[in-house]
Amino acid sequence: MESKIEQPCPVCHSNSGLTMIAHTTEIPYFGEHTQLTVVCDACGWKHTDFIPAEGKKPGSWSLQIDSAGHMSTRIVRSGTCTVRIVELDLEASPGGASTGYVSNIEGVLIRFEDVIRTLMSDADDEVLEKCVELLATLALVREGEYSIELQLLDPMGHSQILHEDAIPRELSEEEASMLDSGPSVPVFDSSELS
């Protein structure tokens, strides 16, 4: 469903209206989710998120990745989710342009690799050396030769790891309050979604 909403763009503040696209689908093993995309016709700003049909509490999912077979494990990451690779001290927090996505573990690792490669283009020797080490370690993880713990920490509880060994837990209020919750998007009246 596509509709115009009378909210200013959170980036360019244009009052020409935002376009909201809502698409509800059944994601295998995760249940019904609504993919909500808001686009500014003036500047092109776009925000996408996945919202489960059932209400959720702040939650964390973790999985020890120790084989190449884990690379195909399905991930649903909402725009409010922080992704951590514990052993490598890597973290991707939701920023002003954070969006949700459905991927797999290999796709998440590739996202980290892409950011590391971007950092390398303007790095001094010390940072460059660290980036090369991280890329080599992530390559070993993808081959199943190095073990890491992947964590999804979501103050909205919309993110999940689909694997029988994944460990879900509820975040405490204190833990949830310490997490960045991502971009500020316009608030919609539920009648606008129907």
N, C-alpha and C. Protein backbone atom coordinates (compact mmCIF):
# COMPACT_ATOMS: atom_id res chain seq x y z
N MET A 1 0.84 -1.18 0.00
CA MET A 1 0.00 0.00 0.00
C MET A 1 0.89 1.25 0.00
N GLU A 2 0.57 2.21 -0.82
CA GLU A 2 1.32 3.46 -0.89
C GLU A 2 0.38 4.61 -0.58
N SER A 3 0.88 5.55 0.24
CA SER A 3 0.05 6.71 0.56
C SER A 3 0.93 7.91 0.87
N LYS A 4 0.37 9.10 0.70
CA LYS A 4 1.04 10.35 1.06
C LYS A 4 0.71 10.65 2.51
N ILE A 5 1.69 11.18 3.22
CA ILE A 5 1.45 11.58 4.61
C ILE A 5 1.87 13.03 4.78
N GLU A 6 1.15 13.72 5.60
CA GLU A 6 1.38 15.15 5.82
C GLU A 6 2.34 15.35 6.98
N GLN A 7 3.60 15.07 6.73
CA GLN A 7 4.66 15.28 7.71
C GLN A 7 5.83 15.91 6.97
N PRO A 8 6.56 16.84 7.61
CA PRO A 8 7.76 17.37 6.96
C PRO A 8 8.87 16.31 6.95
N CYS A 9 9.72 16.39 5.97
CA CYS A 9 10.86 15.47 5.88
C CYS A 9 11.79 15.72 7.07
N PRO A 10 12.25 14.67 7.76
CA PRO A 10 13.15 14.87 8.89
C PRO A 10 14.55 15.31 8.47
N VAL A 11 14.88 15.26 7.17
CA VAL A 11 16.20 15.67 6.70
C VAL A 11 16.17 17.07 6.09
N CYS A 12 15.33 17.26 5.04
CA CYS A 12 15.32 18.56 4.34
C CYS A 12 14.17 19.46 4.81
N HIS A 13 13.28 18.93 5.65
CA HIS A 13 12.15 19.67 6.22
C HIS A 13 11.15 20.17 5.19
N SER A 14 11.19 19.58 3.98
CA SER A 14 10.22 19.94 2.95
C SER A 14 8.82 19.54 3.39
N ASN A 15 7.86 20.39 3.10
CA ASN A 15 6.47 20.10 3.43
C ASN A 15 5.72 19.53 2.23
N SER A 16 6.44 19.12 1.18
CA SER A 16 5.78 18.57 0.00
C SER A 16 5.19 17.19 0.25
N GLY A 17 5.43 16.67 1.42
CA GLY A 17 4.85 15.38 1.79
C GLY A 17 5.82 14.23 1.62
N LEU A 18 5.59 13.22 2.39
CA LEU A 18 6.38 12.00 2.33
C LEU A 18 5.50 10.90 1.75
N THR A 19 6.13 9.97 1.07
CA THR A 19 5.41 8.81 0.57
C THR A 19 5.73 7.65 1.48
N MET A 20 4.68 6.97 1.95
CA MET A 20 4.86 5.81 2.81
C MET A 20 4.39 4.58 2.05
N ILE A 21 5.24 3.56 2.05
CA ILE A 21 4.90 2.30 1.42
C ILE A 21 4.92 1.23 2.50
N ALA A 22 3.81 0.55 2.70
CA ALA A 22 3.71 -0.51 3.69
C ALA A 22 3.41 -1.82 2.95
N HIS A 23 4.20 -2.82 3.26
CA HIS A 23 4.02 -4.13 2.63
C HIS A 23 4.12 -5.19 3.73
N THR A 24 3.04 -5.95 3.92
CA THR A 24 3.04 -6.99 4.93
C THR A 24 3.28 -8.33 4.26
N THR A 25 4.19 -9.10 4.86
CA THR A 25 4.54 -10.40 4.31
C THR A 25 4.89 -11.36 5.43
N GLU A 26 4.80 -12.61 5.13
CA GLU A 26 5.19 -13.66 6.06
C GLU A 26 6.65 -13.98 5.79
N ILE A 27 7.52 -13.74 6.77
CA ILE A 27 8.93 -14.08 6.63
C ILE A 27 9.09 -15.46 7.24
N PRO A 28 9.52 -16.46 6.44
CA PRO A 28 9.62 -17.82 6.96
C PRO A 28 10.37 -17.87 8.29
N TYR A 29 9.78 -18.56 9.25
CA TYR A 29 10.31 -18.79 10.59
C TYR A 29 10.27 -17.57 11.50
N PHE A 30 10.02 -16.38 10.96
CA PHE A 30 9.97 -15.18 11.77
C PHE A 30 8.55 -14.69 11.99
N GLY A 31 7.64 -15.12 11.12
CA GLY A 31 6.26 -14.68 11.24
C GLY A 31 5.96 -13.48 10.37
N GLU A 32 4.79 -12.93 10.60
CA GLU A 32 4.33 -11.80 9.79
C GLU A 32 5.06 -10.52 10.19
N HIS A 33 5.56 -9.82 9.19
CA HIS A 33 6.25 -8.54 9.38
C HIS A 33 5.71 -7.54 8.37
N THR A 34 5.70 -6.28 8.77
CA THR A 34 5.38 -5.21 7.84
C THR A 34 6.66 -4.48 7.51
N GLN A 35 6.96 -4.40 6.22
CA GLN A 35 8.09 -3.59 5.77
C GLN A 35 7.52 -2.21 5.53
N LEU A 36 8.02 -1.23 6.26
CA LEU A 36 7.54 0.14 6.16
C LEU A 36 8.66 0.99 5.59
N THR A 37 8.41 1.62 4.45
CA THR A 37 9.40 2.48 3.81
C THR A 37 8.79 3.88 3.68
N VAL A 38 9.54 4.89 4.12
CA VAL A 38 9.12 6.28 4.00
C VAL A 38 10.15 6.98 3.12
N VAL A 39 9.66 7.69 2.09
CA VAL A 39 10.54 8.34 1.12
C VAL A 39 10.14 9.80 0.99
N CYS A 40 11.13 10.70 0.96
CA CYS A 40 10.89 12.11 0.70
C CYS A 40 11.02 12.35 -0.79
N ASP A 41 9.96 12.87 -1.39
CA ASP A 41 9.97 13.15 -2.83
C ASP A 41 10.90 14.31 -3.18
N ALA A 42 11.18 15.19 -2.21
CA ALA A 42 12.00 16.37 -2.47
C ALA A 42 13.50 16.06 -2.47
N CYS A 43 13.99 15.36 -1.43
CA CYS A 43 15.44 15.16 -1.33
C CYS A 43 15.86 13.70 -1.53
N GLY A 44 14.91 12.78 -1.57
CA GLY A 44 15.25 11.38 -1.79
C GLY A 44 15.55 10.61 -0.52
N TRP A 45 15.46 11.25 0.65
CA TRP A 45 15.69 10.54 1.91
C TRP A 45 14.77 9.33 1.97
N LYS A 46 15.28 8.24 2.50
CA LYS A 46 14.50 7.02 2.57
C LYS A 46 14.81 6.30 3.88
N HIS A 47 13.77 5.77 4.50
CA HIS A 47 13.93 4.99 5.72
C HIS A 47 13.07 3.74 5.59
N THR A 48 13.70 2.57 5.81
CA THR A 48 12.98 1.30 5.77
C THR A 48 13.17 0.59 7.09
N ASP A 49 12.11 -0.04 7.57
CA ASP A 49 12.22 -0.84 8.78
C ASP A 49 11.26 -2.02 8.68
N PHE A 50 11.53 -3.03 9.48
CA PHE A 50 10.68 -4.21 9.56
C PHE A 50 10.04 -4.24 10.93
N ILE A 51 8.73 -4.35 10.96
CA ILE A 51 7.99 -4.33 12.22
C ILE A 51 7.20 -5.63 12.33
N PRO A 52 7.45 -6.42 13.39
CA PRO A 52 6.72 -7.67 13.53
C PRO A 52 5.26 -7.40 13.89
N ALA A 53 4.39 -8.32 13.49
CA ALA A 53 2.96 -8.18 13.79
C ALA A 53 2.71 -8.26 15.30
N GLU A 54 3.49 -9.08 15.97
CA GLU A 54 3.33 -9.23 17.42
C GLU A 54 4.20 -8.20 18.14
N GLY A 55 3.69 -7.68 19.25
CA GLY A 55 4.47 -6.74 20.05
C GLY A 55 5.69 -7.42 20.64
N LYS A 56 6.76 -6.71 20.76
CA LYS A 56 8.01 -7.28 21.26
C LYS A 56 8.54 -6.43 22.41
N LYS A 57 9.38 -7.06 23.22
CA LYS A 57 10.07 -6.37 24.30
C LYS A 57 11.52 -6.18 23.87
N PRO A 58 12.22 -5.22 24.48
CA PRO A 58 13.64 -5.04 24.14
C PRO A 58 14.37 -6.37 24.25
N GLY A 59 15.13 -6.73 23.21
CA GLY A 59 15.74 -8.05 23.22
C GLY A 59 17.10 -8.11 22.57
N SER A 60 17.75 -9.21 22.87
CA SER A 60 19.07 -9.50 22.33
C SER A 60 19.06 -10.92 21.78
N TRP A 61 19.75 -11.12 20.69
CA TRP A 61 19.98 -12.45 20.13
C TRP A 61 21.48 -12.61 19.97
N SER A 62 22.00 -13.78 20.29
CA SER A 62 23.43 -14.02 20.08
C SER A 62 23.62 -15.42 19.50
N LEU A 63 24.70 -15.55 18.74
CA LEU A 63 25.05 -16.84 18.15
C LEU A 63 26.56 -16.93 18.05
N GLN A 64 27.10 -18.05 18.52
CA GLN A 64 28.53 -18.31 18.36
C GLN A 64 28.71 -18.87 16.95
N ILE A 65 29.43 -18.13 16.12
CA ILE A 65 29.65 -18.52 14.73
C ILE A 65 30.98 -19.25 14.66
N ASP A 66 30.91 -20.56 14.40
CA ASP A 66 32.14 -21.36 14.42
C ASP A 66 32.25 -22.33 13.24
N SER A 67 31.42 -22.11 12.22
CA SER A 67 31.53 -22.95 11.03
C SER A 67 31.07 -22.16 9.80
N ALA A 68 31.55 -22.58 8.64
CA ALA A 68 31.13 -21.94 7.40
C ALA A 68 29.63 -22.14 7.18
N GLY A 69 29.06 -23.19 7.75
CA GLY A 69 27.64 -23.46 7.64
C GLY A 69 26.77 -22.37 8.25
N HIS A 70 27.32 -21.62 9.19
CA HIS A 70 26.57 -20.52 9.81
C HIS A 70 26.35 -19.35 8.87
N MET A 71 27.11 -19.27 7.78
CA MET A 71 27.03 -18.11 6.89
C MET A 71 25.63 -17.93 6.29
N SER A 72 24.89 -19.01 6.12
CA SER A 72 23.56 -18.90 5.51
C SER A 72 22.46 -18.67 6.56
N THR A 73 22.81 -18.54 7.83
CA THR A 73 21.82 -18.30 8.88
C THR A 73 21.13 -16.97 8.64
N ARG A 74 19.81 -16.98 8.65
CA ARG A 74 18.98 -15.81 8.36
C ARG A 74 19.01 -14.81 9.52
N ILE A 75 19.08 -13.52 9.15
CA ILE A 75 19.09 -12.42 10.11
C ILE A 75 17.99 -11.43 9.72
N VAL A 76 17.19 -11.00 10.70
CA VAL A 76 16.29 -9.86 10.50
C VAL A 76 16.81 -8.78 11.44
N ARG A 77 17.26 -7.67 10.86
CA ARG A 77 17.81 -6.57 11.64
C ARG A 77 16.93 -5.34 11.42
N SER A 78 16.37 -4.82 12.50
CA SER A 78 15.54 -3.62 12.38
C SER A 78 16.43 -2.38 12.39
N GLY A 79 15.87 -1.25 12.04
CA GLY A 79 16.61 0.00 12.02
C GLY A 79 17.03 0.48 13.40
N THR A 80 16.54 -0.17 14.46
CA THR A 80 16.89 0.22 15.83
C THR A 80 17.93 -0.71 16.45
N CYS A 81 18.44 -1.65 15.69
CA CYS A 81 19.30 -2.71 16.22
C CYS A 81 20.79 -2.36 16.14
N THR A 82 21.51 -2.65 17.21
CA THR A 82 22.96 -2.58 17.25
C THR A 82 23.50 -3.98 16.98
N VAL A 83 24.47 -4.09 16.07
CA VAL A 83 25.08 -5.38 15.74
C VAL A 83 26.50 -5.37 16.29
N ARG A 84 26.83 -6.41 17.05
CA ARG A 84 28.19 -6.50 17.64
C ARG A 84 28.85 -7.81 17.26
N ILE A 85 30.16 -7.71 17.01
CA ILE A 85 31.02 -8.89 16.91
C ILE A 85 31.96 -8.77 18.10
N VAL A 86 31.68 -9.55 19.13
CA VAL A 86 32.28 -9.38 20.44
C VAL A 86 33.80 -9.49 20.42
N GLU A 87 34.32 -10.59 19.88
CA GLU A 87 35.76 -10.85 19.94
C GLU A 87 36.60 -9.83 19.17
N LEU A 88 36.01 -9.22 18.16
CA LEU A 88 36.76 -8.26 17.34
C LEU A 88 36.49 -6.82 17.76
N ASP A 89 35.66 -6.64 18.79
CA ASP A 89 35.31 -5.32 19.30
C ASP A 89 34.75 -4.43 18.19
N LEU A 90 33.90 -5.03 17.34
CA LEU A 90 33.25 -4.29 16.25
C LEU A 90 31.78 -4.09 16.61
N GLU A 91 31.28 -2.90 16.29
CA GLU A 91 29.88 -2.60 16.58
C GLU A 91 29.34 -1.67 15.52
N ALA A 92 28.13 -1.98 15.04
CA ALA A 92 27.42 -1.11 14.12
C ALA A 92 26.15 -0.65 14.83
N SER A 93 26.15 0.61 15.25
CA SER A 93 25.00 1.19 15.93
C SER A 93 24.12 1.90 14.91
N PRO A 94 22.82 1.94 15.17
CA PRO A 94 21.94 2.65 14.23
C PRO A 94 22.26 4.14 14.23
N GLY A 95 22.43 4.69 13.06
CA GLY A 95 22.70 6.12 12.93
C GLY A 95 21.51 6.81 12.31
N GLY A 96 21.72 8.02 11.85
CA GLY A 96 20.66 8.82 11.29
C GLY A 96 20.05 8.26 10.02
N ALA A 97 20.78 7.38 9.33
CA ALA A 97 20.26 6.81 8.09
C ALA A 97 20.06 5.30 8.22
N SER A 98 19.98 4.80 9.43
CA SER A 98 19.87 3.37 9.67
C SER A 98 18.54 2.82 9.15
N THR A 99 18.63 1.70 8.45
CA THR A 99 17.42 1.04 7.95
C THR A 99 17.47 -0.43 8.33
N GLY A 100 16.33 -1.06 8.31
CA GLY A 100 16.26 -2.48 8.58
C GLY A 100 16.57 -3.28 7.33
N TYR A 101 16.94 -4.54 7.54
CA TYR A 101 17.18 -5.43 6.41
C TYR A 101 17.01 -6.87 6.83
N VAL A 102 16.77 -7.72 5.84
CA VAL A 102 16.78 -9.16 6.03
C VAL A 102 17.97 -9.66 5.24
N SER A 103 18.85 -10.42 5.88
CA SER A 103 20.06 -10.91 5.23
C SER A 103 20.43 -12.26 5.83
N ASN A 104 21.69 -12.60 5.73
CA ASN A 104 22.22 -13.77 6.42
C ASN A 104 23.52 -13.34 7.09
N ILE A 105 24.14 -14.24 7.84
CA ILE A 105 25.35 -13.86 8.58
C ILE A 105 26.45 -13.42 7.64
N GLU A 106 26.61 -14.10 6.51
CA GLU A 106 27.63 -13.68 5.56
C GLU A 106 27.38 -12.25 5.10
N GLY A 107 26.13 -11.89 4.84
CA GLY A 107 25.79 -10.53 4.44
C GLY A 107 26.12 -9.51 5.51
N VAL A 108 25.91 -9.87 6.78
CA VAL A 108 26.26 -8.96 7.88
C VAL A 108 27.77 -8.77 7.93
N LEU A 109 28.52 -9.87 7.78
CA LEU A 109 29.99 -9.76 7.79
C LEU A 109 30.49 -8.92 6.62
N ILE A 110 29.88 -9.07 5.47
CA ILE A 110 30.27 -8.27 4.30
C ILE A 110 30.03 -6.78 4.56
N ARG A 111 28.94 -6.46 5.26
CA ARG A 111 28.68 -5.05 5.61
C ARG A 111 29.80 -4.50 6.48
N PHE A 112 30.26 -5.30 7.46
CA PHE A 112 31.40 -4.86 8.29
C PHE A 112 32.65 -4.70 7.43
N GLU A 113 32.90 -5.66 6.53
CA GLU A 113 34.08 -5.59 5.67
C GLU A 113 34.05 -4.33 4.80
N ASP A 114 32.89 -4.01 4.26
CA ASP A 114 32.76 -2.80 3.42
C ASP A 114 33.13 -1.53 4.18
N VAL A 115 32.67 -1.45 5.43
CA VAL A 115 33.00 -0.27 6.26
C VAL A 115 34.49 -0.23 6.54
N ILE A 116 35.07 -1.38 6.85
CA ILE A 116 36.52 -1.43 7.14
C ILE A 116 37.31 -0.99 5.90
N ARG A 117 36.91 -1.46 4.72
CA ARG A 117 37.61 -1.05 3.49
C ARG A 117 37.48 0.45 3.25
N THR A 118 36.33 1.01 3.58
CA THR A 118 36.15 2.46 3.44
C THR A 118 37.11 3.20 4.36
N LEU A 119 37.27 2.71 5.59
CA LEU A 119 38.20 3.34 6.53
C LEU A 119 39.65 3.29 6.03
N MET A 120 39.97 2.26 5.30
CA MET A 120 41.35 2.08 4.83
C MET A 120 41.77 3.15 3.84
N SER A 121 40.84 3.75 3.13
CA SER A 121 41.20 4.71 2.09
C SER A 121 41.84 5.99 2.62
N ASP A 122 41.59 6.29 3.89
CA ASP A 122 42.11 7.53 4.47
C ASP A 122 42.87 7.28 5.77
N ALA A 123 43.41 6.07 5.94
CA ALA A 123 43.97 5.67 7.23
C ALA A 123 45.48 5.88 7.30
N ASP A 124 45.94 6.14 8.53
CA ASP A 124 47.39 6.15 8.76
C ASP A 124 47.86 4.70 8.86
N ASP A 125 49.17 4.50 8.98
CA ASP A 125 49.74 3.15 8.96
C ASP A 125 49.19 2.26 10.07
N GLU A 126 49.01 2.80 11.27
CA GLU A 126 48.52 2.01 12.39
C GLU A 126 47.08 1.53 12.16
N VAL A 127 46.22 2.44 11.71
CA VAL A 127 44.83 2.08 11.44
C VAL A 127 44.76 1.13 10.25
N LEU A 128 45.57 1.37 9.24
CA LEU A 128 45.61 0.50 8.07
C LEU A 128 45.98 -0.93 8.46
N GLU A 129 46.96 -1.07 9.32
CA GLU A 129 47.39 -2.39 9.78
C GLU A 129 46.25 -3.09 10.54
N LYS A 130 45.56 -2.37 11.38
CA LYS A 130 44.43 -2.94 12.14
C LYS A 130 43.31 -3.36 11.19
N CYS A 131 43.04 -2.55 10.17
CA CYS A 131 42.00 -2.88 9.19
C CYS A 131 42.34 -4.15 8.43
N VAL A 132 43.61 -4.29 8.03
CA VAL A 132 44.05 -5.48 7.31
C VAL A 132 43.87 -6.72 8.20
N GLU A 133 44.21 -6.60 9.49
CA GLU A 133 44.03 -7.71 10.44
C GLU A 133 42.56 -8.08 10.57
N LEU A 134 41.69 -7.08 10.70
CA LEU A 134 40.26 -7.35 10.84
C LEU A 134 39.70 -8.05 9.60
N LEU A 135 40.09 -7.59 8.42
CA LEU A 135 39.63 -8.22 7.18
C LEU A 135 40.10 -9.67 7.08
N ALA A 136 41.34 -9.93 7.48
CA ALA A 136 41.87 -11.30 7.46
C ALA A 136 41.10 -12.18 8.44
N THR A 137 40.80 -11.65 9.61
CA THR A 137 40.06 -12.42 10.61
C THR A 137 38.63 -12.69 10.14
N LEU A 138 37.99 -11.69 9.56
CA LEU A 138 36.62 -11.90 9.05
C LEU A 138 36.61 -12.93 7.91
N ALA A 139 37.67 -12.96 7.10
CA ALA A 139 37.77 -13.99 6.05
C ALA A 139 37.85 -15.38 6.67
N LEU A 140 38.61 -15.50 7.76
CA LEU A 140 38.70 -16.79 8.47
C LEU A 140 37.35 -17.19 9.06
N VAL A 141 36.61 -16.21 9.58
CA VAL A 141 35.27 -16.49 10.13
C VAL A 141 34.38 -17.04 9.02
N ARG A 142 34.40 -16.41 7.87
CA ARG A 142 33.55 -16.84 6.76
C ARG A 142 33.91 -18.24 6.28
N GLU A 143 35.18 -18.64 6.46
CA GLU A 143 35.62 -19.98 6.08
C GLU A 143 35.41 -21.00 7.19
N GLY A 144 34.94 -20.54 8.36
CA GLY A 144 34.72 -21.44 9.50
C GLY A 144 35.97 -21.77 10.26
N GLU A 145 37.02 -20.95 10.12
CA GLU A 145 38.30 -21.23 10.76
C GLU A 145 38.57 -20.32 11.97
N TYR A 146 37.64 -19.48 12.32
CA TYR A 146 37.79 -18.59 13.48
C TYR A 146 36.39 -18.39 14.05
N SER A 147 36.27 -18.46 15.36
CA SER A 147 34.96 -18.38 16.03
C SER A 147 34.73 -16.99 16.62
N ILE A 148 33.53 -16.46 16.38
CA ILE A 148 33.13 -15.18 16.95
C ILE A 148 31.70 -15.28 17.48
N GLU A 149 31.35 -14.37 18.34
CA GLU A 149 29.97 -14.26 18.79
C GLU A 149 29.34 -13.04 18.12
N LEU A 150 28.22 -13.27 17.42
CA LEU A 150 27.46 -12.20 16.80
C LEU A 150 26.29 -11.88 17.72
N GLN A 151 26.11 -10.60 18.03
CA GLN A 151 24.99 -10.18 18.88
C GLN A 151 24.14 -9.16 18.15
N LEU A 152 22.83 -9.29 18.30
CA LEU A 152 21.87 -8.28 17.86
C LEU A 152 21.22 -7.73 19.12
N LEU A 153 21.32 -6.43 19.36
CA LEU A 153 20.76 -5.79 20.54
C LEU A 153 19.75 -4.75 20.07
N ASP A 154 18.47 -5.00 20.36
CA ASP A 154 17.42 -4.17 19.80
C ASP A 154 16.48 -3.66 20.89
N PRO A 155 16.51 -2.34 21.16
CA PRO A 155 15.63 -1.80 22.20
C PRO A 155 14.15 -1.93 21.86
N MET A 156 13.83 -2.17 20.58
CA MET A 156 12.44 -2.36 20.17
C MET A 156 12.08 -3.85 20.06
N GLY A 157 13.06 -4.72 20.10
CA GLY A 157 12.81 -6.16 20.06
C GLY A 157 12.40 -6.70 18.71
N HIS A 158 12.70 -6.00 17.63
CA HIS A 158 12.26 -6.42 16.30
C HIS A 158 13.27 -7.28 15.55
N SER A 159 14.47 -7.47 16.07
CA SER A 159 15.53 -8.17 15.35
C SER A 159 15.65 -9.61 15.84
N GLN A 160 16.09 -10.50 14.93
CA GLN A 160 16.20 -11.92 15.28
C GLN A 160 17.30 -12.60 14.49
N ILE A 161 17.82 -13.70 15.07
CA ILE A 161 18.73 -14.60 14.38
C ILE A 161 18.00 -15.94 14.27
N LEU A 162 17.89 -16.48 13.07
CA LEU A 162 17.18 -17.73 12.85
C LEU A 162 18.17 -18.89 12.81
N HIS A 163 18.42 -19.46 13.97
CA HIS A 163 19.27 -20.64 14.07
C HIS A 163 18.91 -21.34 15.37
N GLU A 164 18.91 -22.65 15.34
CA GLU A 164 18.51 -23.39 16.54
C GLU A 164 19.43 -23.14 17.73
N ASP A 165 20.67 -22.73 17.48
CA ASP A 165 21.61 -22.46 18.57
C ASP A 165 21.63 -20.99 19.00
N ALA A 166 20.86 -20.14 18.31
CA ALA A 166 20.81 -18.71 18.68
C ALA A 166 20.15 -18.59 20.05
N ILE A 167 20.68 -17.67 20.84
CA ILE A 167 20.20 -17.49 22.21
C ILE A 167 19.50 -16.14 22.33
N PRO A 168 18.17 -16.16 22.53
CA PRO A 168 17.45 -14.89 22.75
C PRO A 168 17.39 -14.58 24.24
N ARG A 169 17.35 -13.30 24.55
CA ARG A 169 17.12 -12.89 25.93
C ARG A 169 16.52 -11.50 25.94
N GLU A 170 15.80 -11.19 26.99
CA GLU A 170 15.22 -9.87 27.12
C GLU A 170 16.28 -8.92 27.67
N LEU A 171 16.33 -7.71 27.13
CA LEU A 171 17.26 -6.69 27.65
C LEU A 171 16.63 -6.02 28.87
N SER A 172 17.46 -5.70 29.83
CA SER A 172 16.97 -4.94 30.98
C SER A 172 16.69 -3.51 30.52
N GLU A 173 15.93 -2.78 31.31
CA GLU A 173 15.65 -1.37 30.98
C GLU A 173 16.94 -0.58 30.87
N GLU A 174 17.89 -0.87 31.76
CA GLU A 174 19.17 -0.16 31.75
C GLU A 174 19.94 -0.47 30.46
N GLU A 175 20.00 -1.75 30.06
CA GLU A 175 20.69 -2.12 28.83
C GLU A 175 20.04 -1.44 27.62
N ALA A 176 18.71 -1.48 27.57
CA ALA A 176 17.99 -0.88 26.44
C ALA A 176 18.23 0.62 26.37
N SER A 177 18.28 1.28 27.52
CA SER A 177 18.47 2.73 27.54
C SER A 177 19.87 3.14 27.09
N MET A 178 20.83 2.24 27.17
CA MET A 178 22.21 2.52 26.76
C MET A 178 22.41 2.40 25.25
N LEU A 179 21.43 1.83 24.56
CA LEU A 179 21.56 1.61 23.12
C LEU A 179 20.99 2.77 22.33
N ASP A 180 21.64 3.08 21.21
CA ASP A 180 21.11 4.07 20.28
C ASP A 180 19.91 3.43 19.60
N SER A 181 18.82 4.16 19.47
CA SER A 181 17.63 3.57 18.85
C SER A 181 17.45 3.98 17.40
N GLY A 182 18.45 4.60 16.81
CA GLY A 182 18.40 4.88 15.38
C GLY A 182 17.79 6.21 15.04
N PRO A 183 17.41 6.35 13.76
CA PRO A 183 16.94 7.63 13.26
C PRO A 183 15.58 8.01 13.81
N SER A 184 15.37 9.30 13.83
CA SER A 184 14.06 9.81 14.22
C SER A 184 13.21 9.88 12.97
N VAL A 185 12.13 9.11 12.97
CA VAL A 185 11.25 9.11 11.80
C VAL A 185 9.90 9.65 12.23
N PRO A 186 9.15 10.19 11.29
CA PRO A 186 7.84 10.73 11.64
C PRO A 186 6.97 9.67 12.31
N VAL A 187 6.15 10.11 13.24
CA VAL A 187 5.22 9.23 13.92
C VAL A 187 3.90 9.27 13.15
N PHE A 188 3.34 8.11 12.90
CA PHE A 188 2.12 8.02 12.12
C PHE A 188 0.96 7.59 12.99
N ASP A 189 -0.16 8.10 12.69
CA ASP A 189 -1.41 7.67 13.30
C ASP A 189 -1.74 6.32 12.67
N SER A 190 -2.16 5.36 13.48
CA SER A 190 -2.43 4.02 12.95
C SER A 190 -3.50 4.04 11.85
N SER A 191 -4.35 5.04 11.83
CA SER A 191 -5.36 5.11 10.77
C SER A 191 -4.73 5.41 9.41
N GLU A 192 -3.49 5.97 9.42
CA GLU A 192 -2.80 6.27 8.17
C GLU A 192 -2.26 5.00 7.52
N LEU A 193 -2.13 3.93 8.29
CA LEU A 193 -1.58 2.69 7.78
C LEU A 193 -2.63 1.81 7.13
N SER A 194 -3.89 2.12 7.28
CA SER A 194 -4.91 1.26 6.69
C SER A 194 -5.52 1.84 5.44
